[in-house]
């Protein structure tokens, strides 16, 4: 298994749905309704659009939101087809219990990107989609009750070192209010290997006033992706 990997150069543009976020982070209504929610490295995901549509307060942040949105939306559409071809070559290794099939997976990505594109165009002039990147986010201390980070941290461990991960988690803790929580998923790299410095990272979280926990995800699609990290503040 370790010899298999999902080949990716650079950081992919994620296009995941609200429903996928609910499953991967095991989110409950009580988690979403306590205050402002932040989706970090949100890319073309429709989580923020649909969370707002359901009456929750939500913001997305990504370095791609600065300019040229329409150009990279087109790139994201092309990336969906590229990633689908990659998945087809490794299809037997993935858990399809949620998606059902490769076609369903691709169609879900397309629908999420379409929903995102419509919503970000409707949101011009608002602060719903913010240009920013880890480990320095443009938000105030204690601003969010729930901070989410999907398919960025740990997944790109070969591109971003341990110091980056420590600084990024501490930044999430800075912007998350006391009594709030942070959830990060998955905890493996693109090589499907567990993040090697996770224990040290959890010790750092504890030393800085957080309570880290490893909990079960309801969307273990990628091999070895059965858990997410929750940090209580």
Protein backbone atom coordinates (compact mmCIF):
# COMPACT_ATOMS: atom_id res chain seq x y z
CA UNK A 1 0.00 0.00 0.00
CA UNK A 2 2.79 2.44 0.84
CA UNK A 3 4.09 2.14 -2.73
CA UNK A 4 0.82 3.52 -4.05
CA UNK A 5 0.20 7.25 -4.07
CA UNK A 6 -2.05 9.87 -5.56
CA UNK A 7 0.26 11.91 -7.76
CA UNK A 8 -0.15 15.67 -7.28
CA UNK A 9 2.12 18.60 -8.06
CA UNK A 10 1.22 21.68 -6.05
CA UNK A 11 -1.95 22.09 -4.00
CA UNK A 12 -5.12 20.88 -5.72
CA UNK A 13 -8.26 23.01 -5.84
CA UNK A 14 -10.70 21.20 -3.59
CA UNK A 15 -14.36 21.15 -4.64
CA UNK A 16 -16.21 19.35 -1.87
CA UNK A 17 -19.83 19.66 -0.82
CA UNK A 18 -21.54 20.64 2.41
CA UNK A 19 -22.67 17.04 2.84
CA UNK A 20 -19.10 15.78 2.56
CA UNK A 21 -18.00 18.21 5.26
CA UNK A 22 -20.77 16.94 7.53
CA UNK A 23 -19.55 13.39 7.05
CA UNK A 24 -15.79 13.87 7.18
CA UNK A 25 -15.89 16.11 10.27
CA UNK A 26 -18.87 14.36 11.89
CA UNK A 27 -20.56 17.75 12.26
CA UNK A 28 -23.77 18.19 14.22
CA UNK A 29 -26.24 21.07 14.15
CA UNK A 30 -24.97 22.13 17.55
CA UNK A 31 -21.42 22.46 16.16
CA UNK A 32 -22.54 24.77 13.35
CA UNK A 33 -25.01 26.94 15.23
CA UNK A 34 -22.74 28.20 18.04
CA UNK A 35 -21.26 31.11 16.08
CA UNK A 36 -19.08 31.94 13.10
CA UNK A 37 -17.60 29.02 11.16
CA UNK A 38 -14.38 29.30 9.12
CA UNK A 39 -13.41 27.00 6.24
CA UNK A 40 -9.63 27.23 5.68
CA UNK A 41 -8.08 26.44 2.27
CA UNK A 42 -11.66 26.19 1.04
CA UNK A 43 -10.91 26.36 -2.68
CA UNK A 44 -14.01 25.69 -4.76
CA UNK A 45 -15.94 23.87 -2.04
CA UNK A 46 -19.59 24.77 -1.61
CA UNK A 47 -19.63 24.28 2.17
CA UNK A 48 -19.79 28.01 2.93
CA UNK A 49 -22.50 28.66 0.35
CA UNK A 50 -24.72 25.90 1.70
CA UNK A 51 -23.98 26.63 5.36
CA UNK A 52 -25.14 30.21 4.81
CA UNK A 53 -28.15 28.90 2.91
CA UNK A 54 -29.07 26.86 5.98
CA UNK A 55 -28.88 29.91 8.23
CA UNK A 56 -25.40 29.43 9.71
CA UNK A 57 -22.69 32.09 9.84
CA UNK A 58 -19.74 31.04 7.68
CA UNK A 59 -16.65 32.43 5.98
CA UNK A 60 -14.22 30.77 3.56
CA UNK A 61 -10.54 31.70 3.21
CA UNK A 62 -8.16 30.73 0.43
CA UNK A 63 -5.19 32.41 -1.32
CA UNK A 64 -7.02 32.05 -4.63
CA UNK A 65 -9.77 34.46 -3.61
CA UNK A 66 -7.55 37.49 -4.18
CA UNK A 67 -8.10 37.88 -7.92
CA UNK A 68 -8.88 36.00 -11.12
CA UNK A 69 -11.66 33.92 -9.61
CA UNK A 70 -13.26 32.98 -12.89
CA UNK A 71 -9.94 31.85 -14.38
CA UNK A 72 -9.22 29.45 -11.55
CA UNK A 73 -12.82 28.24 -11.45
CA UNK A 74 -12.18 27.05 -15.00
CA UNK A 75 -8.90 25.52 -13.83
CA UNK A 76 -10.79 23.77 -11.04
CA UNK A 77 -13.25 22.32 -13.56
CA UNK A 78 -10.32 20.95 -15.53
CA UNK A 79 -8.72 19.64 -12.33
CA UNK A 80 -11.88 17.64 -11.59
CA UNK A 81 -11.41 15.73 -14.84
CA UNK A 82 -7.69 15.28 -14.19
CA UNK A 83 -8.24 14.02 -10.66
CA UNK A 84 -10.98 11.65 -11.84
CA UNK A 85 -8.53 10.08 -14.27
CA UNK A 86 -5.99 9.67 -11.45
CA UNK A 87 -8.60 8.07 -9.20
CA UNK A 88 -9.59 5.67 -11.97
CA UNK A 89 -6.07 4.23 -11.97
CA UNK A 90 -6.19 3.67 -8.19
CA UNK A 91 -9.91 2.97 -7.87
CA UNK A 92 -9.57 -0.38 -6.13
CA UNK A 93 -7.75 1.19 -3.16
CA UNK A 94 -10.45 3.69 -2.22
CA UNK A 95 -13.56 3.24 -0.07
CA UNK A 96 -16.57 3.97 -2.29
CA UNK A 97 -19.23 3.34 0.36
CA UNK A 98 -20.19 7.05 0.47
CA UNK A 99 -19.89 8.03 -3.19
CA UNK A 100 -21.02 4.77 -4.74
CA UNK A 101 -19.02 5.16 -7.94
CA UNK A 102 -16.34 7.19 -9.67
CA UNK A 103 -18.99 8.93 -11.79
CA UNK A 104 -20.91 9.99 -8.69
CA UNK A 105 -17.70 11.33 -7.20
CA UNK A 106 -16.96 13.42 -10.30
CA UNK A 107 -20.53 14.68 -10.60
CA UNK A 108 -20.47 15.75 -6.96
CA UNK A 109 -17.29 17.75 -7.55
CA UNK A 110 -18.86 19.46 -10.54
CA UNK A 111 -22.00 20.34 -8.60
CA UNK A 112 -19.99 21.71 -5.68
CA UNK A 113 -17.90 23.91 -7.96
CA UNK A 114 -20.98 25.21 -9.73
CA UNK A 115 -22.64 26.09 -6.41
CA UNK A 116 -19.44 27.76 -5.18
CA UNK A 117 -19.01 29.77 -8.38
CA UNK A 118 -22.57 31.09 -8.25
CA UNK A 119 -22.30 32.01 -4.57
CA UNK A 120 -18.94 33.78 -4.76
CA UNK A 121 -20.27 35.89 -7.64
CA UNK A 122 -23.35 36.74 -5.57
CA UNK A 123 -21.08 37.63 -2.63
CA UNK A 124 -18.94 40.27 -4.35
CA UNK A 125 -18.44 43.17 -1.94
CA UNK A 126 -19.05 41.02 1.13
CA UNK A 127 -16.54 39.38 3.47
CA UNK A 128 -17.74 35.82 2.82
CA UNK A 129 -14.70 34.81 0.74
CA UNK A 130 -11.39 36.13 2.06
CA UNK A 131 -7.95 36.12 0.46
CA UNK A 132 -5.59 34.51 2.97
CA UNK A 133 -3.32 31.58 3.65
CA UNK A 134 -1.78 29.68 6.52
CA UNK A 135 0.12 30.24 8.72
CA UNK A 136 -0.89 33.95 8.78
CA UNK A 137 -4.63 34.49 8.45
CA UNK A 138 -6.25 37.96 8.24
CA UNK A 139 -8.60 37.50 11.18
CA UNK A 140 -8.87 38.78 14.72
CA UNK A 141 -8.13 36.75 17.84
CA UNK A 142 -11.02 34.61 19.11
CA UNK A 143 -13.17 35.32 16.04
CA UNK A 144 -14.58 31.86 15.24
CA UNK A 145 -16.46 29.20 17.15
CA UNK A 146 -15.60 26.45 14.67
CA UNK A 147 -12.54 26.27 12.42
CA UNK A 148 -12.38 23.61 9.70
CA UNK A 149 -9.51 22.61 7.44
CA UNK A 150 -10.18 19.93 4.82
CA UNK A 151 -7.60 18.18 2.63
CA UNK A 152 -4.73 20.60 3.08
CA UNK A 153 -2.92 20.17 6.40
CA UNK A 154 -0.98 16.86 6.59
CA UNK A 155 -2.08 15.86 3.08
CA UNK A 156 0.76 17.98 1.67
CA UNK A 157 3.28 17.06 4.37
CA UNK A 158 5.94 16.45 1.73
CA UNK A 159 5.59 20.05 0.52
CA UNK A 160 5.12 21.80 3.87
CA UNK A 161 7.40 20.96 6.80
CA UNK A 162 6.65 20.36 10.45
CA UNK A 163 7.27 23.99 11.42
CA UNK A 164 4.61 25.05 8.95
CA UNK A 165 2.14 22.63 10.51
CA UNK A 166 2.91 23.82 14.04
CA UNK A 167 2.58 27.49 13.08
CA UNK A 168 -0.63 26.80 11.16
CA UNK A 169 -2.30 24.98 14.05
CA UNK A 170 -1.25 27.71 16.49
CA UNK A 171 -2.74 30.25 14.09
CA UNK A 172 -6.02 28.32 14.04
CA UNK A 173 -5.97 28.32 17.83
CA UNK A 174 -5.40 32.09 17.85
CA UNK A 175 -8.50 32.84 15.80
CA UNK A 176 -10.70 30.25 17.53
CA UNK A 177 -12.52 31.55 20.58
CA UNK A 178 -12.39 29.94 24.04
CA UNK A 179 -14.98 27.18 24.12
CA UNK A 180 -14.65 26.74 20.35
CA UNK A 181 -13.08 23.93 18.37
CA UNK A 182 -10.88 23.15 15.38
CA UNK A 183 -11.27 20.12 13.13
CA UNK A 184 -8.66 18.98 10.59
CA UNK A 185 -9.03 16.10 8.13
CA UNK A 186 -7.42 13.87 6.92
CA UNK A 187 -4.30 13.04 8.95
CA UNK A 188 -2.37 11.36 6.15
CA UNK A 189 -0.22 12.47 3.22
CA UNK A 190 -0.84 11.98 -0.48
CA UNK A 191 1.33 8.87 -0.08
CA UNK A 192 -1.36 7.53 2.29
CA UNK A 193 1.06 7.60 5.20
CA UNK A 194 0.16 8.94 8.69
CA UNK A 195 1.64 12.33 9.53
CA UNK A 196 4.88 11.36 11.24
CA UNK A 197 5.00 14.34 13.64
CA UNK A 198 1.40 14.13 14.83
CA UNK A 199 2.33 13.15 18.40
CA UNK A 200 4.69 16.10 18.73
CA UNK A 201 2.10 18.41 17.23
CA UNK A 202 -0.50 17.24 19.74
CA UNK A 203 1.97 17.87 22.57
CA UNK A 204 2.46 21.42 21.26
CA UNK A 205 -1.30 21.94 21.14
CA UNK A 206 -1.63 20.82 24.76
CA UNK A 207 1.26 23.06 25.84
CA UNK A 208 -0.57 26.02 24.28
CA UNK A 209 -3.87 25.44 26.05
CA UNK A 210 -5.70 23.20 23.59
CA UNK A 211 -7.08 19.70 24.04
CA UNK A 212 -6.37 17.51 20.99
CA UNK A 213 -8.38 14.38 20.22
CA UNK A 214 -8.34 11.85 17.41
CA UNK A 215 -11.89 10.98 16.41
CA UNK A 216 -13.51 8.79 13.77
CA UNK A 217 -14.51 10.30 10.45
CA UNK A 218 -17.63 9.15 8.64
CA UNK A 219 -15.98 9.55 5.24
CA UNK A 220 -12.88 7.30 5.11
CA UNK A 221 -12.53 7.54 1.33
CA UNK A 222 -8.74 7.75 1.07
CA UNK A 223 -6.84 4.70 2.38
CA UNK A 224 -5.93 5.31 6.02
CA UNK A 225 -8.19 8.37 6.43
CA UNK A 226 -10.39 7.02 9.21
CA UNK A 227 -9.68 9.81 11.71
CA UNK A 228 -9.77 13.57 12.06
CA UNK A 229 -8.10 15.83 14.62
CA UNK A 230 -10.33 17.84 16.93
CA UNK A 231 -8.86 20.58 19.11
CA UNK A 232 -11.00 21.93 21.94
CA UNK A 233 -10.19 25.36 23.36
